[in-house]
Amino acid sequence: MDKEKICFTTDDGIDLELYVLEETRIGGTDYILVADTVDDDGNCYILKDLSEEDAAEAVYEMVEDDNELDYLTDIFSQLLDDVDIELE
């Protein structure tokens, strides 16, 4: 199965090509779970959509708040019941 890829530029100016594994909407905010590889041992990130509703391109930021990350990790683990998510 082909996964959608997005390009993400970090605050440090580093360009990452990430695969979208899952997406969800919670409290009116969209979140995506992405990984740098589709292999088993890739790095996962949870991104929050900060885009305006009519924006031509999506604007995401990495979720860094520990409580928000724990909550979202549980949600994505339930959505992807065959995947273990471990965030650093």
PDB file of N, CA and C in Angstrom:
ATOM      1  N   MET A   1       0.835  -1.182   0.000  1.00  0.00           N
ATOM      2  CA  MET A   1       0.000   0.000   0.000  1.00  0.00           C
ATOM      3  C   MET A   1       0.881   1.246   0.000  1.00  0.00           C
ATOM      4  N   ASP A   2       0.639   2.154  -0.920  1.00  0.00           N
ATOM      5  CA  ASP A   2       1.412   3.385  -0.996  1.00  0.00           C
ATOM      6  C   ASP A   2       0.908   4.374   0.037  1.00  0.00           C
ATOM      7  N   LYS A   3       1.840   4.980   0.740  1.00  0.00           N
ATOM      8  CA  LYS A   3       1.512   5.994   1.733  1.00  0.00           C
ATOM      9  C   LYS A   3       1.719   7.366   1.123  1.00  0.00           C
ATOM     10  N   GLU A   4       0.864   8.306   1.499  1.00  0.00           N
ATOM     11  CA  GLU A   4       1.016   9.689   1.056  1.00  0.00           C
ATOM     12  C   GLU A   4       2.281  10.269   1.674  1.00  0.00           C
ATOM     13  N   LYS A   5       3.019  11.035   0.885  1.00  0.00           N
ATOM     14  CA  LYS A   5       4.230  11.688   1.376  1.00  0.00           C
ATOM     15  C   LYS A   5       4.003  13.189   1.450  1.00  0.00           C
ATOM     16  N   ILE A   6       4.581  13.792   2.485  1.00  0.00           N
ATOM     17  CA  ILE A   6       4.560  15.248   2.594  1.00  0.00           C
ATOM     18  C   ILE A   6       5.981  15.727   2.826  1.00  0.00           C
ATOM     19  N   CYS A   7       6.245  16.963   2.445  1.00  0.00           N
ATOM     20  CA  CYS A   7       7.530  17.594   2.728  1.00  0.00           C
ATOM     21  C   CYS A   7       7.332  18.523   3.912  1.00  0.00           C
ATOM     22  N   PHE A   8       8.210  18.408   4.893  1.00  0.00           N
ATOM     23  CA  PHE A   8       8.115  19.188   6.115  1.00  0.00           C
ATOM     24  C   PHE A   8       9.456  19.850   6.354  1.00  0.00           C
ATOM     25  N   THR A   9       9.448  21.147   6.620  1.00  0.00           N
ATOM     26  CA  THR A   9      10.670  21.879   6.923  1.00  0.00           C
ATOM     27  C   THR A   9      10.669  22.221   8.400  1.00  0.00           C
ATOM     28  N   THR A  10      11.712  21.787   9.103  1.00  0.00           N
ATOM     29  CA  THR A  10      11.808  22.043  10.535  1.00  0.00           C
ATOM     30  C   THR A  10      12.159  23.505  10.775  1.00  0.00           C
ATOM     31  N   ASP A  11      12.066  23.923  12.042  1.00  0.00           N
ATOM     32  CA  ASP A  11      12.448  25.283  12.412  1.00  0.00           C
ATOM     33  C   ASP A  11      13.916  25.555  12.115  1.00  0.00           C
ATOM     34  N   ASP A  12      14.719  24.492  12.057  1.00  0.00           N
ATOM     35  CA  ASP A  12      16.152  24.613  11.754  1.00  0.00           C
ATOM     36  C   ASP A  12      16.434  24.671  10.261  1.00  0.00           C
ATOM     37  N   GLY A  13      15.375  24.615   9.443  1.00  0.00           N
ATOM     38  CA  GLY A  13      15.542  24.668   7.999  1.00  0.00           C
ATOM     39  C   GLY A  13      15.848  23.326   7.354  1.00  0.00           C
ATOM     40  N   ILE A  14      15.692  22.241   8.101  1.00  0.00           N
ATOM     41  CA  ILE A  14      15.948  20.904   7.571  1.00  0.00           C
ATOM     42  C   ILE A  14      14.685  20.398   6.891  1.00  0.00           C
ATOM     43  N   ASP A  15      14.821  19.951   5.647  1.00  0.00           N
ATOM     44  CA  ASP A  15      13.686  19.406   4.899  1.00  0.00           C
ATOM     45  C   ASP A  15      13.582  17.912   5.158  1.00  0.00           C
ATOM     46  N   LEU A  16      12.390  17.476   5.536  1.00  0.00           N
ATOM     47  CA  LEU A  16      12.120  16.061   5.770  1.00  0.00           C
ATOM     48  C   LEU A  16      11.028  15.602   4.820  1.00  0.00           C
ATOM     49  N   GLU A  17      11.185  14.411   4.296  1.00  0.00           N
ATOM     50  CA  GLU A  17      10.135  13.782   3.502  1.00  0.00           C
ATOM     51  C   GLU A  17       9.496  12.738   4.404  1.00  0.00           C
ATOM     52  N   LEU A  18       8.227  12.917   4.720  1.00  0.00           N
ATOM     53  CA  LEU A  18       7.549  12.081   5.701  1.00  0.00           C
ATOM     54  C   LEU A  18       6.358  11.362   5.084  1.00  0.00           C
ATOM     55  N   TYR A  19       6.100  10.166   5.580  1.00  0.00           N
ATOM     56  CA  TYR A  19       4.971   9.359   5.132  1.00  0.00           C
ATOM     57  C   TYR A  19       3.826   9.506   6.124  1.00  0.00           C
ATOM     58  N   VAL A  20       2.642   9.795   5.627  1.00  0.00           N
ATOM     59  CA  VAL A  20       1.466   9.928   6.478  1.00  0.00           C
ATOM     60  C   VAL A  20       0.937   8.535   6.783  1.00  0.00           C
ATOM     61  N   LEU A  21       0.938   8.180   8.077  1.00  0.00           N
ATOM     62  CA  LEU A  21       0.459   6.867   8.505  1.00  0.00           C
ATOM     63  C   LEU A  21      -1.010   6.889   8.891  1.00  0.00           C
ATOM     64  N   GLU A  22      -1.440   7.999   9.499  1.00  0.00           N
ATOM     65  CA  GLU A  22      -2.828   8.109   9.957  1.00  0.00           C
ATOM     66  C   GLU A  22      -3.133   9.574  10.211  1.00  0.00           C
ATOM     67  N   GLU A  23      -4.400   9.900  10.191  1.00  0.00           N
ATOM     68  CA  GLU A  23      -4.818  11.261  10.519  1.00  0.00           C
ATOM     69  C   GLU A  23      -6.107  11.201  11.316  1.00  0.00           C
ATOM     70  N   THR A  24      -6.312  12.227  12.138  1.00  0.00           N
ATOM     71  CA  THR A  24      -7.530  12.296  12.942  1.00  0.00           C
ATOM     72  C   THR A  24      -7.855  13.755  13.233  1.00  0.00           C
ATOM     73  N   ARG A  25      -9.086  13.984  13.640  1.00  0.00           N
ATOM     74  CA  ARG A  25      -9.546  15.330  13.999  1.00  0.00           C
ATOM     75  C   ARG A  25     -10.070  15.259  15.428  1.00  0.00           C
ATOM     76  N   ILE A  26      -9.528  16.098  16.291  1.00  0.00           N
ATOM     77  CA  ILE A  26      -9.916  16.120  17.699  1.00  0.00           C
ATOM     78  C   ILE A  26     -10.196  17.556  18.087  1.00  0.00           C
ATOM     79  N   GLY A  27     -11.392  17.805  18.570  1.00  0.00           N
ATOM     80  CA  GLY A  27     -11.754  19.144  19.014  1.00  0.00           C
ATOM     81  C   GLY A  27     -11.595  20.205  17.940  1.00  0.00           C
ATOM     82  N   GLY A  28     -11.853  19.842  16.691  1.00  0.00           N
ATOM     83  CA  GLY A  28     -11.756  20.787  15.589  1.00  0.00           C
ATOM     84  C   GLY A  28     -10.355  20.992  15.048  1.00  0.00           C
ATOM     85  N   THR A  29      -9.375  20.257  15.577  1.00  0.00           N
ATOM     86  CA  THR A  29      -7.991  20.367  15.123  1.00  0.00           C
ATOM     87  C   THR A  29      -7.579  19.067  14.452  1.00  0.00           C
ATOM     88  N   ASP A  30      -6.931  19.183  13.281  1.00  0.00           N
ATOM     89  CA  ASP A  30      -6.448  18.008  12.567  1.00  0.00           C
ATOM     90  C   ASP A  30      -5.032  17.666  13.020  1.00  0.00           C
ATOM     91  N   TYR A  31      -4.785  16.367  13.186  1.00  0.00           N
ATOM     92  CA  TYR A  31      -3.471  15.852  13.550  1.00  0.00           C
ATOM     93  C   TYR A  31      -3.112  14.746  12.570  1.00  0.00           C
ATOM     94  N   ILE A  32      -1.829  14.627  12.260  1.00  0.00           N
ATOM     95  CA  ILE A  32      -1.370  13.514  11.441  1.00  0.00           C
ATOM     96  C   ILE A  32      -0.205  12.827  12.133  1.00  0.00           C
ATOM     97  N   LEU A  33      -0.168  11.524  11.980  1.00  0.00           N
ATOM     98  CA  LEU A  33       0.953  10.719  12.441  1.00  0.00           C
ATOM     99  C   LEU A  33       1.794  10.434  11.218  1.00  0.00           C
ATOM    100  N   VAL A  34       3.058  10.822  11.271  1.00  0.00           N
ATOM    101  CA  VAL A  34       3.948  10.648  10.127  1.00  0.00           C
ATOM    102  C   VAL A  34       5.201   9.897  10.560  1.00  0.00           C
ATOM    103  N   ALA A  35       5.888   9.324   9.579  1.00  0.00           N
ATOM    104  CA  ALA A  35       7.141   8.613   9.834  1.00  0.00           C
ATOM    105  C   ALA A  35       8.116   8.920   8.711  1.00  0.00           C
ATOM    106  N   ASP A  36       9.401   8.808   9.026  1.00  0.00           N
ATOM    107  CA  ASP A  36      10.412   9.088   8.015  1.00  0.00           C
ATOM    108  C   ASP A  36      10.680   7.898   7.106  1.00  0.00           C
ATOM    109  N   THR A  37      10.067   6.755   7.396  1.00  0.00           N
ATOM    110  CA  THR A  37      10.193   5.563   6.574  1.00  0.00           C
ATOM    111  C   THR A  37       8.946   4.711   6.766  1.00  0.00           C
ATOM    112  N   VAL A  38       8.661   3.840   5.846  1.00  0.00           N
ATOM    113  CA  VAL A  38       7.543   2.927   6.015  1.00  0.00           C
ATOM    114  C   VAL A  38       8.013   1.602   6.604  1.00  0.00           C
ATOM    115  N   ASP A  39       9.325   1.484   6.841  1.00  0.00           N
ATOM    116  CA  ASP A  39       9.873   0.292   7.482  1.00  0.00           C
ATOM    117  C   ASP A  39       9.515   0.293   8.961  1.00  0.00           C
ATOM    118  N   ASP A  40       9.750  -0.821   9.619  1.00  0.00           N
ATOM    119  CA  ASP A  40       9.366  -0.986  11.019  1.00  0.00           C
ATOM    120  C   ASP A  40      10.082  -0.051  11.988  1.00  0.00           C
ATOM    121  N   ASP A  41      11.321   0.297  11.729  1.00  0.00           N
ATOM    122  CA  ASP A  41      12.113   1.027  12.716  1.00  0.00           C
ATOM    123  C   ASP A  41      12.343   2.488  12.357  1.00  0.00           C
ATOM    124  N   GLY A  42      11.322   3.155  11.878  1.00  0.00           N
ATOM    125  CA  GLY A  42      11.458   4.568  11.535  1.00  0.00           C
ATOM    126  C   GLY A  42      11.126   5.461  12.710  1.00  0.00           C
ATOM    127  N   ASN A  43      11.380   6.746  12.538  1.00  0.00           N
ATOM    128  CA  ASN A  43      11.027   7.755  13.533  1.00  0.00           C
ATOM    129  C   ASN A  43       9.631   8.272  13.236  1.00  0.00           C
ATOM    130  N   CYS A  44       8.797   8.347  14.275  1.00  0.00           N
ATOM    131  CA  CYS A  44       7.428   8.847  14.147  1.00  0.00           C
ATOM    132  C   CYS A  44       7.313  10.233  14.762  1.00  0.00           C
ATOM    133  N   TYR A  45       6.430  11.032  14.188  1.00  0.00           N
ATOM    134  CA  TYR A  45       6.147  12.367  14.688  1.00  0.00           C
ATOM    135  C   TYR A  45       4.644  12.597  14.603  1.00  0.00           C
ATOM    136  N   ILE A  46       4.127  13.396  15.519  1.00  0.00           N
ATOM    137  CA  ILE A  46       2.730  13.813  15.439  1.00  0.00           C
ATOM    138  C   ILE A  46       2.733  15.299  15.124  1.00  0.00           C
ATOM    139  N   LEU A  47       2.029  15.656  14.057  1.00  0.00           N
ATOM    140  CA  LEU A  47       1.976  17.039  13.602  1.00  0.00           C
ATOM    141  C   LEU A  47       0.573  17.587  13.774  1.00  0.00           C
ATOM    142  N   LYS A  48       0.498  18.845  14.153  1.00  0.00           N
ATOM    143  CA  LYS A  48      -0.775  19.556  14.343  1.00  0.00           C
ATOM    144  C   LYS A  48      -0.951  20.524  13.184  1.00  0.00           C
ATOM    145  N   ASP A  49      -2.130  20.507  12.581  1.00  0.00           N
ATOM    146  CA  ASP A  49      -2.437  21.391  11.455  1.00  0.00           C
ATOM    147  C   ASP A  49      -2.826  22.772  11.983  1.00  0.00           C
ATOM    148  N   LEU A  50      -2.041  23.776  11.624  1.00  0.00           N
ATOM    149  CA  LEU A  50      -2.302  25.154  12.036  1.00  0.00           C
ATOM    150  C   LEU A  50      -2.817  26.006  10.890  1.00  0.00           C
ATOM    151  N   SER A  51      -3.166  25.388   9.775  1.00  0.00           N
ATOM    152  CA  SER A  51      -3.579  26.091   8.560  1.00  0.00           C
ATOM    153  C   SER A  51      -4.891  26.838   8.749  1.00  0.00           C
ATOM    154  N   GLU A  52      -4.996  27.940   8.052  1.00  0.00           N
ATOM    155  CA  GLU A  52      -6.290  28.618   7.944  1.00  0.00           C
ATOM    156  C   GLU A  52      -7.185  27.748   7.069  1.00  0.00           C
ATOM    157  N   GLU A  53      -8.479  27.843   7.259  1.00  0.00           N
ATOM    158  CA  GLU A  53      -9.414  26.969   6.560  1.00  0.00           C
ATOM    159  C   GLU A  53      -9.301  27.056   5.038  1.00  0.00           C
ATOM    160  N   ASP A  54      -9.034  28.233   4.492  1.00  0.00           N
ATOM    161  CA  ASP A  54      -8.972  28.400   3.042  1.00  0.00           C
ATOM    162  C   ASP A  54      -7.541  28.495   2.512  1.00  0.00           C
ATOM    163  N   ALA A  55      -6.559  28.055   3.289  1.00  0.00           N
ATOM    164  CA  ALA A  55      -5.153  28.141   2.889  1.00  0.00           C
ATOM    165  C   ALA A  55      -4.854  27.177   1.738  1.00  0.00           C
ATOM    166  N   ALA A  56      -3.985  27.619   0.838  1.00  0.00           N
ATOM    167  CA  ALA A  56      -3.606  26.792  -0.309  1.00  0.00           C
ATOM    168  C   ALA A  56      -2.690  25.636   0.118  1.00  0.00           C
ATOM    169  N   GLU A  57      -1.854  25.862   1.122  1.00  0.00           N
ATOM    170  CA  GLU A  57      -0.947  24.835   1.621  1.00  0.00           C
ATOM    171  C   GLU A  57      -1.156  24.653   3.113  1.00  0.00           C
ATOM    172  N   ALA A  58      -0.964  23.430   3.565  1.00  0.00           N
ATOM    173  CA  ALA A  58      -1.107  23.138   4.988  1.00  0.00           C
ATOM    174  C   ALA A  58       0.118  23.632   5.748  1.00  0.00           C
ATOM    175  N   VAL A  59      -0.114  24.083   6.969  1.00  0.00           N
ATOM    176  CA  VAL A  59       0.948  24.501   7.864  1.00  0.00           C
ATOM    177  C   VAL A  59       0.865  23.610   9.104  1.00  0.00           C
ATOM    178  N   TYR A  60       1.930  22.855   9.346  1.00  0.00           N
ATOM    179  CA  TYR A  60       1.962  21.938  10.471  1.00  0.00           C
ATOM    180  C   TYR A  60       3.078  22.319  11.426  1.00  0.00           C
ATOM    181  N   GLU A  61       2.885  21.958  12.699  1.00  0.00           N
ATOM    182  CA  GLU A  61       3.969  22.050  13.668  1.00  0.00           C
ATOM    183  C   GLU A  61       4.003  20.745  14.436  1.00  0.00           C
ATOM    184  N   MET A  62       5.203  20.366  14.865  1.00  0.00           N
ATOM    185  CA  MET A  62       5.345  19.150  15.650  1.00  0.00           C
ATOM    186  C   MET A  62       4.754  19.376  17.034  1.00  0.00           C
ATOM    187  N   VAL A  63       4.003  18.398  17.495  1.00  0.00           N
ATOM    188  CA  VAL A  63       3.440  18.464  18.838  1.00  0.00           C
ATOM    189  C   VAL A  63       4.564  18.170  19.815  1.00  0.00           C
ATOM    190  N   GLU A  64       4.797  19.080  20.760  1.00  0.00           N
ATOM    191  CA  GLU A  64       5.897  18.923  21.706  1.00  0.00           C
ATOM    192  C   GLU A  64       5.440  18.848  23.156  1.00  0.00           C
ATOM    193  N   ASP A  65       4.207  19.270  23.436  1.00  0.00           N
ATOM    194  CA  ASP A  65       3.685  19.204  24.791  1.00  0.00           C
ATOM    195  C   ASP A  65       3.521  17.738  25.202  1.00  0.00           C
ATOM    196  N   ASP A  66       4.140  17.357  26.333  1.00  0.00           N
ATOM    197  CA  ASP A  66       4.133  15.950  26.761  1.00  0.00           C
ATOM    198  C   ASP A  66       2.728  15.402  26.990  1.00  0.00           C
ATOM    199  N   ASN A  67       1.856  16.178  27.612  1.00  0.00           N
ATOM    200  CA  ASN A  67       0.490  15.709  27.865  1.00  0.00           C
ATOM    201  C   ASN A  67      -0.272  15.509  26.564  1.00  0.00           C
ATOM    202  N   GLU A  68      -0.136  16.462  25.653  1.00  0.00           N
ATOM    203  CA  GLU A  68      -0.802  16.355  24.354  1.00  0.00           C
ATOM    204  C   GLU A  68      -0.248  15.160  23.570  1.00  0.00           C
ATOM    205  N   LEU A  69       1.079  14.971  23.620  1.00  0.00           N
ATOM    206  CA  LEU A  69       1.701  13.839  22.927  1.00  0.00           C
ATOM    207  C   LEU A  69       1.211  12.506  23.480  1.00  0.00           C
ATOM    208  N   ASP A  70       1.152  12.381  24.801  1.00  0.00           N
ATOM    209  CA  ASP A  70       0.678  11.132  25.405  1.00  0.00           C
ATOM    210  C   ASP A  70      -0.754  10.829  24.969  1.00  0.00           C
ATOM    211  N   TYR A  71      -1.603  11.844  25.026  1.00  0.00           N
ATOM    212  CA  TYR A  71      -2.998  11.680  24.634  1.00  0.00           C
ATOM    213  C   TYR A  71      -3.117  11.253  23.167  1.00  0.00           C
ATOM    214  N   LEU A  72      -2.395  11.959  22.287  1.00  0.00           N
ATOM    215  CA  LEU A  72      -2.471  11.663  20.854  1.00  0.00           C
ATOM    216  C   LEU A  72      -1.842  10.318  20.521  1.00  0.00           C
ATOM    217  N   THR A  73      -0.781   9.947  21.222  1.00  0.00           N
ATOM    218  CA  THR A  73      -0.167   8.637  21.003  1.00  0.00           C
ATOM    219  C   THR A  73      -1.167   7.534  21.304  1.00  0.00           C
ATOM    220  N   ASP A  74      -1.928   7.685  22.382  1.00  0.00           N
ATOM    221  CA  ASP A  74      -2.964   6.702  22.708  1.00  0.00           C
ATOM    222  C   ASP A  74      -4.026   6.638  21.613  1.00  0.00           C
ATOM    223  N   ILE A  75      -4.447   7.794  21.119  1.00  0.00           N
ATOM    224  CA  ILE A  75      -5.459   7.836  20.055  1.00  0.00           C
ATOM    225  C   ILE A  75      -4.946   7.144  18.799  1.00  0.00           C
ATOM    226  N   PHE A  76      -3.731   7.494  18.365  1.00  0.00           N
ATOM    227  CA  PHE A  76      -3.193   6.884  17.143  1.00  0.00           C
ATOM    228  C   PHE A  76      -2.913   5.395  17.333  1.00  0.00           C
ATOM    229  N   SER A  77      -2.535   4.979  18.530  1.00  0.00           N
ATOM    230  CA  SER A  77      -2.328   3.548  18.793  1.00  0.00           C
ATOM    231  C   SER A  77      -3.631   2.778  18.631  1.00  0.00           C
ATOM    232  N   GLN A  78      -4.747   3.381  19.059  1.00  0.00           N
ATOM    233  CA  GLN A  78      -6.044   2.735  18.898  1.00  0.00           C
ATOM    234  C   GLN A  78      -6.457   2.687  17.427  1.00  0.00           C
ATOM    235  N   LEU A  79      -6.159   3.752  16.689  1.00  0.00           N
ATOM    236  CA  LEU A  79      -6.506   3.787  15.265  1.00  0.00           C
ATOM    237  C   LEU A  79      -5.683   2.798  14.457  1.00  0.00           C
ATOM    238  N   LEU A  80      -4.435   2.609  14.862  1.00  0.00           N
ATOM    239  CA  LEU A  80      -3.527   1.680  14.179  1.00  0.00           C
ATOM    240  C   LEU A  80      -3.241   0.524  15.126  1.00  0.00           C
ATOM    241  N   ASP A  81      -4.205  -0.357  15.303  1.00  0.00           N
ATOM    242  CA  ASP A  81      -4.086  -1.391  16.321  1.00  0.00           C
ATOM    243  C   ASP A  81      -2.954  -2.392  16.087  1.00  0.00           C
ATOM    244  N   ASP A  82      -2.358  -2.400  14.898  1.00  0.00           N
ATOM    245  CA  ASP A  82      -1.265  -3.339  14.635  1.00  0.00           C
ATOM    246  C   ASP A  82       0.114  -2.659  14.691  1.00  0.00           C
ATOM    247  N   VAL A  83       0.172  -1.436  15.219  1.00  0.00           N
ATOM    248  CA  VAL A  83       1.415  -0.676  15.233  1.00  0.00           C
ATOM    249  C   VAL A  83       1.704  -0.195  16.662  1.00  0.00           C
ATOM    250  N   ASP A  84       2.945  -0.385  17.127  1.00  0.00           N
ATOM    251  CA  ASP A  84       3.366   0.168  18.410  1.00  0.00           C
ATOM    252  C   ASP A  84       4.029   1.507  18.146  1.00  0.00           C
ATOM    253  N   ILE A  85       3.531   2.542  18.818  1.00  0.00           N
ATOM    254  CA  ILE A  85       4.078   3.895  18.634  1.00  0.00           C
ATOM    255  C   ILE A  85       4.891   4.252  19.860  1.00  0.00           C
ATOM    256  N   GLU A  86       6.159   4.554  19.639  1.00  0.00           N
ATOM    257  CA  GLU A  86       7.027   5.004  20.715  1.00  0.00           C
ATOM    258  C   GLU A  86       7.647   6.320  20.280  1.00  0.00           C
ATOM    259  N   LEU A  87       7.321   7.378  20.989  1.00  0.00           N
ATOM    260  CA  LEU A  87       7.875   8.686  20.691  1.00  0.00           C
ATOM    261  C   LEU A  87       8.986   8.995  21.674  1.00  0.00           C
ATOM    262  N   GLU A  88      10.028   9.651  21.180  1.00  0.00           N
ATOM    263  CA  GLU A  88      11.140  10.023  22.057  1.00  0.00           C
ATOM    264  C   GLU A  88      10.891  11.337  22.718  1.00  0.00           C
TER     265      GLU A  88
END
